[in-house]
Structure formats: structure tokens, C-alpha cells
Amino acid sequence: MSREPSREQLIDDATRWWVLMNSGQASEAERRAYQRWRDADPRHEQLCRQLEIRLGVFQVPIAQGVDGELLQRALNVPSSRRKVLQRALLGAGVVLGAGALVSQRGLPLAELTADLHTGTGQRQSLTLPDGSELRLNARSAANIDFDRQRRVVHLLDGEVLLNLASDPARPFFIHTAQARIQATGSRLLVRERDGQGHATALNGPLDIAAGGGERLQLPGGHEVAYDALHFGPVRPSRGSATAWVDGLLELRDTPLSEVVEALRPYRRGVLRLDPAIAGLRVSGLFRLDNPQQILDSLARTLPIRVTRHTELWVTLSAT
């Protein structure tokens, strides 16, 4: 009787296959053999999916400058292939661990429980395994769950912009704490923080189901706010909604409350807003990477006072 392979051996095997398939050196026969190995055991399929999600989004080795042939030779050494692969990724400026990304800016592993995560003031652009493009705004987290039937992005917190690759056989969903969204268009924006959500159908419609059972067909070129139970009014989408991708905050007669919400992910500490001035309107174009400069500019142009109690505690109040 043959001995059941250990999890360590399965991980080693899956890693070897993954590197070969992404090296540009695999023959057609090897690709067929890989598919047979993958189909032979549900554990093989699970490990391959994890590698595709957790490594494939970085397009290693090609996009990170890691030579595929070199990696294959290293993986043939009897020592831990997982450690070899991790060292190769480290050399490309990426650390993989606990199923998450650690950027060069040093986010601690303990904080990163999601597949994808950005910290304060960080934005991230990624290519998903299907070729879709995903952009995360600051202080955002998401898990990726792709299989042969569907593609799902679980937005845990924050904001995501998606440019979807066409795949009629696998519908694309965005799951959040408050809603389930199916994208039938090719470009969309979803934000959810503190139980309040906002969806924008930039190109093509969205089918949105709120947790309370309400459903909404959001037409292309429109946006809607929502929570777990209700939808707000449907409005034409704002062209400025995606300005954050370029590091900009574009405001056109925007309530001060929305400005503060947009700034919070870009500064550390507490930013409090007096409700008495929440409705003041703001217009302008600002750089998100300097939130303190934005606050100073607002204080010069609006009847507000910016009080810095400490470096991490700032209050906006009426003058």
C-alpha cells in the first residue's frame, strides 16, 4: 500500500508545478500532466488555487523580475522549496505570509489577515489571475476567491476599483458585509466602511442585493449609497469618483463630511468633525498624499477651525 503524501509534500509538489507553469518553459505535455495532477485530488486543486490567488496576483516570476528557469533549478534542491520560493519573492520586494501581502513600507504580518491589504496612505494596483485589474484605495482589505464556476472579490473594508476581464463562463461578484453585487459591466467602484456602502457602475450595470433582501439594478453611469437594509437614491455617477487612483481628491460642491471621510484613510489617528459644519460645501483639486495640507487649505477657505490636540488627534469645528 502506498503511503499517503504529507501536506508538506503536497505543498512542495504544488509549488513545483506552479513555478513550471509560470516559467514560460512548460511543454504542452507538461501542461496536460499538470492538469491531470490537479484533477486527481481535491487537495491538489485547493493548493493550486491558493497559489494562483496568493502568488498569481503578483505575476511571479515574470512581472517581479525573477527568472523562471533559475527558480526551477532552485526548487529541485532537496531543501524546503517553499522557503526558496519565498526568498525569491523577497528579492523582488514582496513578502508572502499568512495569506497576505507585506509591502516594503513594513506592514506587520499580524495585521494582515486578508489576501490583499493596504495601510494608511497606501494604494495598490494588482492583476488578478483572470487578467482583471484591481485597485485598492488606502486602508482597504479584500480576499480573492476564484474557481471554475465564478470569480468573487470579498471586500472586507475600504474601496476597490475593478476593470473586469471578459469570461462569460464565470460571473464576477463582489461580496461585502452589507451587499452582494454581480457585475455585468466591465468597470465598477465599490466602497464600504463602518456599515455604509457605495457602489458605482462605471461601465455597464450592477445587480445589487442588500442583506435585508432588497435588490437593485444599477444602470451603467450611475451610483447608489446603501446599507444592510436599504438603498439610497440612484444618481448619475461623478467623474471624480476614481480620482484617488491618481492620488487626487477632486471635489465639486462636496459636503465637508464626505471630504473628511475621504481623508481618514490617508492620515493616522483620529480626525473628528463637528456635525454643525458637516454640510459645508467644498470644491477643488488636492493631492491625497498630503492630508495635512488639505486641512490647512480648508481652514483658509471655509469658516472652520482645525485644532491639533496631538499629532494623532485633530478636530474640525466652526470658527
Protein backbone atom coordinates (compact mmCIF):
# COMPACT_ATOMS: atom_id res chain seq x y z
CA MET A 1 0.00 0.00 0.00
CA SER A 2 1.40 3.40 -0.97
CA ARG A 3 1.82 5.92 1.81
CA GLU A 4 -0.47 8.98 1.83
CA PRO A 5 1.60 12.05 0.91
CA SER A 6 2.07 14.55 3.72
CA ARG A 7 0.83 18.12 3.49
CA GLU A 8 4.47 19.22 3.26
CA GLN A 9 4.96 17.01 0.20
CA LEU A 10 1.75 18.26 -1.39
CA ILE A 11 2.84 21.87 -0.89
CA ASP A 12 6.22 21.08 -2.43
CA ASP A 13 4.58 19.38 -5.42
CA ALA A 14 2.09 22.21 -5.95
CA THR A 15 4.87 24.79 -5.76
CA ARG A 16 6.98 22.92 -8.32
CA TRP A 17 4.04 22.71 -10.72
CA TRP A 18 3.15 26.37 -10.22
CA VAL A 19 6.67 27.57 -10.98
CA LEU A 20 6.89 25.37 -14.08
CA MET A 21 3.53 26.61 -15.40
CA ASN A 22 4.58 30.25 -14.90
CA SER A 23 8.15 29.91 -16.16
CA GLY A 24 7.36 30.07 -19.86
CA GLN A 25 9.26 26.76 -20.24
CA ALA A 26 6.38 24.25 -19.89
CA SER A 27 5.64 21.98 -22.84
CA GLU A 28 2.12 21.04 -23.90
CA ALA A 29 2.64 17.54 -22.44
CA GLU A 30 3.69 19.06 -19.12
CA ARG A 31 0.62 21.27 -19.09
CA ARG A 32 -1.60 18.23 -19.62
CA ALA A 33 0.26 16.38 -16.85
CA TYR A 34 -0.25 19.34 -14.53
CA GLN A 35 -3.98 19.34 -15.23
CA ARG A 36 -4.16 15.60 -14.52
CA TRP A 37 -2.30 16.08 -11.22
CA ARG A 38 -4.57 18.96 -10.30
CA ASP A 39 -7.73 16.95 -11.04
CA ALA A 40 -6.52 13.82 -9.22
CA ASP A 41 -7.13 15.04 -5.67
CA PRO A 42 -9.29 17.86 -4.20
CA ARG A 43 -6.28 18.86 -2.08
CA HIS A 44 -4.23 19.40 -5.23
CA GLU A 45 -6.92 21.69 -6.62
CA GLN A 46 -7.13 23.61 -3.34
CA LEU A 47 -3.37 24.17 -3.17
CA CYS A 48 -3.20 25.25 -6.81
CA ARG A 49 -5.99 27.75 -6.27
CA GLN A 50 -4.23 29.17 -3.22
CA LEU A 51 -1.00 29.59 -5.18
CA GLU A 52 -2.82 31.23 -8.11
CA ILE A 53 -4.58 33.66 -5.77
CA ARG A 54 -1.78 34.44 -3.36
CA LEU A 55 1.08 34.39 -5.85
CA GLY A 56 -0.62 34.75 -9.21
CA VAL A 57 -1.84 38.27 -8.41
CA PHE A 58 1.82 39.32 -8.44
CA GLN A 59 2.53 37.50 -11.72
CA VAL A 60 5.68 35.93 -10.27
CA PRO A 61 8.22 35.34 -11.65
CA ILE A 62 7.86 37.40 -14.82
CA ALA A 63 6.47 40.71 -13.52
CA GLN A 64 8.74 40.69 -10.48
CA GLY A 65 11.90 40.09 -12.45
CA VAL A 66 12.50 36.59 -11.06
CA ASP A 67 13.95 34.23 -13.65
CA GLY A 68 11.65 31.22 -14.09
CA GLU A 69 14.45 28.84 -15.09
CA LEU A 70 16.50 29.88 -12.06
CA LEU A 71 13.55 29.23 -9.79
CA GLN A 72 13.03 25.78 -11.26
CA ARG A 73 16.66 24.85 -10.61
CA ALA A 74 16.42 26.14 -7.05
CA LEU A 75 13.25 24.17 -6.46
CA ASN A 76 15.00 20.94 -7.43
CA VAL A 77 17.30 21.26 -4.41
CA PRO A 78 16.04 18.94 -1.62
CA SER A 79 15.77 21.81 0.89
CA SER A 80 12.44 23.49 1.57
CA ARG A 81 11.01 24.61 -1.75
CA ARG A 82 8.56 26.90 -0.01
CA LYS A 83 11.44 28.82 1.59
CA VAL A 84 13.27 29.05 -1.71
CA LEU A 85 10.20 30.50 -3.38
CA GLN A 86 9.68 32.93 -0.52
CA ARG A 87 13.30 34.11 -0.72
CA ALA A 88 12.89 34.67 -4.46
CA LEU A 89 9.82 36.76 -3.79
CA LEU A 90 11.64 38.67 -1.05
CA GLY A 91 14.32 39.56 -3.57
CA ALA A 92 11.60 41.07 -5.74
CA GLY A 93 10.37 43.26 -2.89
CA VAL A 94 7.40 41.13 -1.81
CA VAL A 95 6.86 39.06 1.33
CA LEU A 96 4.24 36.34 1.39
CA GLY A 97 2.94 35.03 4.68
CA ALA A 98 -0.33 34.30 6.45
CA GLY A 99 -2.02 34.60 3.06
CA ALA A 100 -1.30 38.31 2.82
CA LEU A 101 0.88 40.93 1.22
CA VAL A 102 3.54 42.82 3.14
CA SER A 103 4.68 45.93 1.34
CA GLN A 104 8.11 47.46 1.55
CA ARG A 105 6.61 50.04 3.89
CA GLY A 106 6.56 47.37 6.58
CA LEU A 107 3.01 46.42 7.49
CA PRO A 108 3.26 43.79 10.28
CA LEU A 109 2.18 40.29 9.36
CA ALA A 110 -0.11 40.08 12.39
CA GLU A 111 -2.28 42.85 10.91
CA LEU A 112 -2.60 41.25 7.52
CA THR A 113 -5.33 38.62 7.62
CA ALA A 114 -6.64 39.30 4.12
CA ASP A 115 -5.25 38.20 0.76
CA LEU A 116 -4.81 41.86 -0.18
CA HIS A 117 -4.33 44.77 2.19
CA THR A 118 -3.29 48.42 2.08
CA GLY A 119 -2.27 50.54 5.03
CA THR A 120 -2.72 54.22 5.82
CA GLY A 121 -1.92 56.33 2.77
CA GLN A 122 -1.20 53.30 0.56
CA ARG A 123 -2.78 52.35 -2.74
CA GLN A 124 -2.23 49.10 -4.60
CA SER A 125 -2.71 48.01 -8.21
CA LEU A 126 -2.88 44.29 -8.96
CA THR A 127 -3.64 41.96 -11.83
CA LEU A 128 -5.91 39.08 -10.80
CA PRO A 129 -5.43 35.52 -12.12
CA ASP A 130 -8.11 36.03 -14.79
CA GLY A 131 -6.50 39.22 -16.10
CA SER A 132 -8.89 41.60 -14.35
CA GLU A 133 -7.30 44.72 -12.86
CA LEU A 134 -7.94 45.55 -9.21
CA ARG A 135 -7.02 48.79 -7.46
CA LEU A 136 -7.28 49.14 -3.69
CA ASN A 137 -7.61 52.52 -2.02
CA ALA A 138 -5.88 53.26 1.29
CA ARG A 139 -6.84 51.21 4.37
CA SER A 140 -8.62 48.58 2.34
CA ALA A 141 -8.66 44.79 2.54
CA ALA A 142 -10.00 42.09 0.24
CA ASN A 143 -9.97 38.33 -0.25
CA ILE A 144 -9.95 36.70 -3.67
CA ASP A 145 -11.94 33.51 -4.33
CA PHE A 146 -11.80 32.28 -7.92
CA ASP A 147 -12.81 28.82 -9.09
CA ARG A 148 -14.07 27.29 -12.32
CA GLN A 149 -17.65 28.44 -11.81
CA ARG A 150 -17.30 32.03 -10.59
CA ARG A 151 -14.99 34.86 -9.60
CA VAL A 152 -15.52 36.57 -6.25
CA VAL A 153 -13.80 39.51 -4.58
CA HIS A 154 -14.68 39.77 -0.89
CA LEU A 155 -14.27 43.44 0.04
CA LEU A 156 -13.69 43.34 3.79
CA ASP A 157 -13.23 47.07 4.22
CA GLY A 158 -12.37 50.11 2.17
CA GLU A 159 -12.64 50.82 -1.54
CA VAL A 160 -11.89 48.87 -4.70
CA LEU A 161 -11.90 49.77 -8.39
CA LEU A 162 -12.24 46.85 -10.80
CA ASN A 163 -11.64 46.60 -14.53
CA LEU A 164 -13.01 43.17 -15.38
CA ALA A 165 -11.66 40.71 -17.92
CA SER A 166 -14.35 39.06 -20.03
CA ASP A 167 -15.18 35.49 -19.00
CA PRO A 168 -18.82 34.63 -19.82
CA ALA A 169 -18.50 31.19 -18.20
CA ARG A 170 -17.54 32.67 -14.82
CA PRO A 171 -19.65 35.56 -13.49
CA PHE A 172 -17.92 38.18 -11.33
CA PHE A 173 -19.23 39.02 -7.85
CA ILE A 174 -18.22 41.49 -5.16
CA HIS A 175 -19.28 40.41 -1.68
CA THR A 176 -19.28 42.87 1.20
CA ALA A 177 -20.66 42.81 4.73
CA GLN A 178 -23.77 44.66 3.58
CA ALA A 179 -24.41 43.53 -0.01
CA ARG A 180 -23.82 41.04 -2.80
CA ILE A 181 -23.02 42.65 -6.14
CA GLN A 182 -22.89 40.95 -9.54
CA ALA A 183 -21.09 42.87 -12.25
CA THR A 184 -22.45 42.56 -15.76
CA GLY A 185 -20.43 45.53 -16.99
CA SER A 186 -16.67 45.84 -17.20
CA ARG A 187 -15.79 48.63 -14.74
CA LEU A 188 -17.08 49.36 -11.25
CA LEU A 189 -16.21 51.02 -7.98
CA VAL A 190 -17.32 49.74 -4.55
CA ARG A 191 -16.68 51.35 -1.17
CA GLU A 192 -17.77 50.08 2.23
CA ARG A 193 -16.74 51.39 5.64
CA ASP A 194 -18.45 51.26 9.03
CA GLY A 195 -21.57 49.58 7.66
CA GLN A 196 -22.15 52.18 4.93
CA GLY A 197 -21.65 51.21 1.31
CA HIS A 198 -21.44 52.96 -2.04
CA ALA A 199 -21.44 51.35 -5.50
CA THR A 200 -20.73 53.00 -8.84
CA ALA A 201 -21.44 51.31 -12.18
CA LEU A 202 -18.81 52.99 -14.33
CA ASN A 203 -19.36 50.83 -17.41
CA GLY A 204 -22.38 48.53 -17.58
CA PRO A 205 -24.99 47.68 -14.95
CA LEU A 206 -24.68 46.13 -11.49
CA ASP A 207 -27.12 43.76 -9.80
CA ILE A 208 -27.03 44.59 -6.08
CA ALA A 209 -28.71 42.56 -3.32
CA ALA A 210 -28.74 44.15 0.14
CA GLY A 211 -28.62 41.99 3.24
CA GLY A 212 -32.23 42.78 4.07
CA GLY A 213 -33.48 41.25 0.83
CA GLU A 214 -33.89 44.39 -1.29
CA ARG A 215 -32.48 44.23 -4.83
CA LEU A 216 -31.46 46.97 -7.21
CA GLN A 217 -30.43 47.00 -10.87
CA LEU A 218 -27.99 49.91 -11.02
CA PRO A 219 -27.66 51.21 -14.59
CA GLY A 220 -24.28 51.99 -16.07
CA GLY A 221 -23.14 55.54 -15.40
CA HIS A 222 -24.94 55.69 -12.04
CA GLU A 223 -24.13 55.33 -8.35
CA VAL A 224 -26.01 54.48 -5.17
CA ALA A 225 -25.39 54.50 -1.42
CA TYR A 226 -26.64 51.55 0.63
CA ASP A 227 -26.58 49.83 3.98
CA ALA A 228 -27.63 46.34 5.05
CA LEU A 229 -31.34 47.13 4.68
CA HIS A 230 -31.88 49.99 2.27
CA PHE A 231 -30.71 51.72 -0.88
CA GLY A 232 -30.40 55.47 -1.22
CA PRO A 233 -31.46 57.38 -4.33
CA VAL A 234 -29.82 56.41 -7.62
CA ARG A 235 -27.78 59.30 -9.05
CA PRO A 236 -25.60 59.87 -12.11
CA SER A 237 -22.03 58.88 -11.29
CA ARG A 238 -19.42 61.55 -10.68
CA GLY A 239 -16.40 61.67 -12.95
CA SER A 240 -14.28 62.50 -9.91
CA ALA A 241 -15.08 59.20 -8.16
CA THR A 242 -11.91 57.48 -9.37
CA ALA A 243 -9.51 60.42 -8.93
CA TRP A 244 -7.93 58.65 -5.92
CA VAL A 245 -6.35 56.16 -8.33
CA ASP A 246 -4.06 59.02 -9.42
CA GLY A 247 -3.55 60.21 -5.85
CA LEU A 248 -6.01 63.07 -6.21
CA LEU A 249 -9.06 64.27 -4.30
CA GLU A 250 -11.35 66.00 -6.77
CA LEU A 251 -14.22 67.88 -5.12
CA ARG A 252 -17.19 69.54 -6.79
CA ASP A 253 -19.62 71.11 -4.33
CA THR A 254 -18.92 68.18 -1.98
CA PRO A 255 -20.14 68.15 1.66
CA LEU A 256 -17.32 68.56 4.17
CA SER A 257 -18.42 65.30 5.81
CA GLU A 258 -17.53 63.40 2.62
CA VAL A 259 -14.19 65.20 2.41
CA VAL A 260 -13.31 64.09 5.94
CA GLU A 261 -14.31 60.50 5.14
CA ALA A 262 -12.02 60.56 2.09
CA LEU A 263 -9.10 61.89 4.17
CA ARG A 264 -9.32 59.46 7.08
CA PRO A 265 -7.65 56.53 5.26
CA TYR A 266 -4.74 58.85 4.41
CA ARG A 267 -3.79 60.03 7.89
CA ARG A 268 -3.06 58.25 11.15
CA GLY A 269 -5.03 58.92 14.29
CA VAL A 270 -8.43 60.49 14.93
CA LEU A 271 -9.99 63.12 12.66
CA ARG A 272 -13.18 64.43 14.24
CA LEU A 273 -15.76 66.64 12.55
CA ASP A 274 -18.23 68.92 14.32
CA PRO A 275 -21.69 68.00 12.91
CA ALA A 276 -22.51 71.72 12.76
CA ILE A 277 -20.13 72.18 9.81
CA ALA A 278 -20.60 68.80 8.13
CA GLY A 279 -22.79 70.31 5.40
CA LEU A 280 -20.35 72.99 4.25
CA ARG A 281 -19.58 72.60 0.54
CA VAL A 282 -16.08 72.19 -0.86
CA SER A 283 -14.69 72.39 -4.39
CA GLY A 284 -11.11 71.96 -5.50
CA LEU A 285 -8.39 69.55 -6.54
CA PHE A 286 -5.99 68.28 -3.87
CA ARG A 287 -3.19 65.73 -3.51
CA LEU A 288 -4.30 62.92 -1.19
CA ASP A 289 -0.74 62.16 -0.14
CA ASN A 290 -0.61 65.38 1.90
CA PRO A 291 -3.79 65.34 4.03
CA GLN A 292 -2.42 67.94 6.46
CA GLN A 293 -2.01 70.41 3.62
CA ILE A 294 -5.62 69.76 2.60
CA LEU A 295 -6.84 70.51 6.14
CA ASP A 296 -4.83 73.75 6.21
CA SER A 297 -6.30 74.77 2.86
CA LEU A 298 -9.83 74.07 4.10
CA ALA A 299 -9.20 76.21 7.18
CA ARG A 300 -8.17 79.13 4.95
CA THR A 301 -11.21 78.92 2.67
CA LEU A 302 -14.03 77.81 5.00
CA PRO A 303 -15.36 79.15 8.31
CA ILE A 304 -13.76 76.29 10.23
CA ARG A 305 -11.01 75.81 12.79
CA VAL A 306 -8.51 72.94 12.66
CA THR A 307 -7.39 72.10 16.20
CA ARG A 308 -4.42 69.77 16.65
CA HIS A 309 -4.73 68.35 20.15
CA THR A 310 -1.85 66.00 19.36
CA GLU A 311 -0.26 64.77 16.14
CA LEU A 312 -2.78 61.91 16.11
CA TRP A 313 -5.89 63.79 17.25
CA VAL A 314 -7.32 66.59 15.10
CA THR A 315 -10.73 68.26 15.36
CA LEU A 316 -12.57 70.34 12.77
CA SER A 317 -15.04 72.80 14.30
CA ALA A 318 -16.82 76.06 13.48
CA THR A 319 -14.93 79.32 13.93
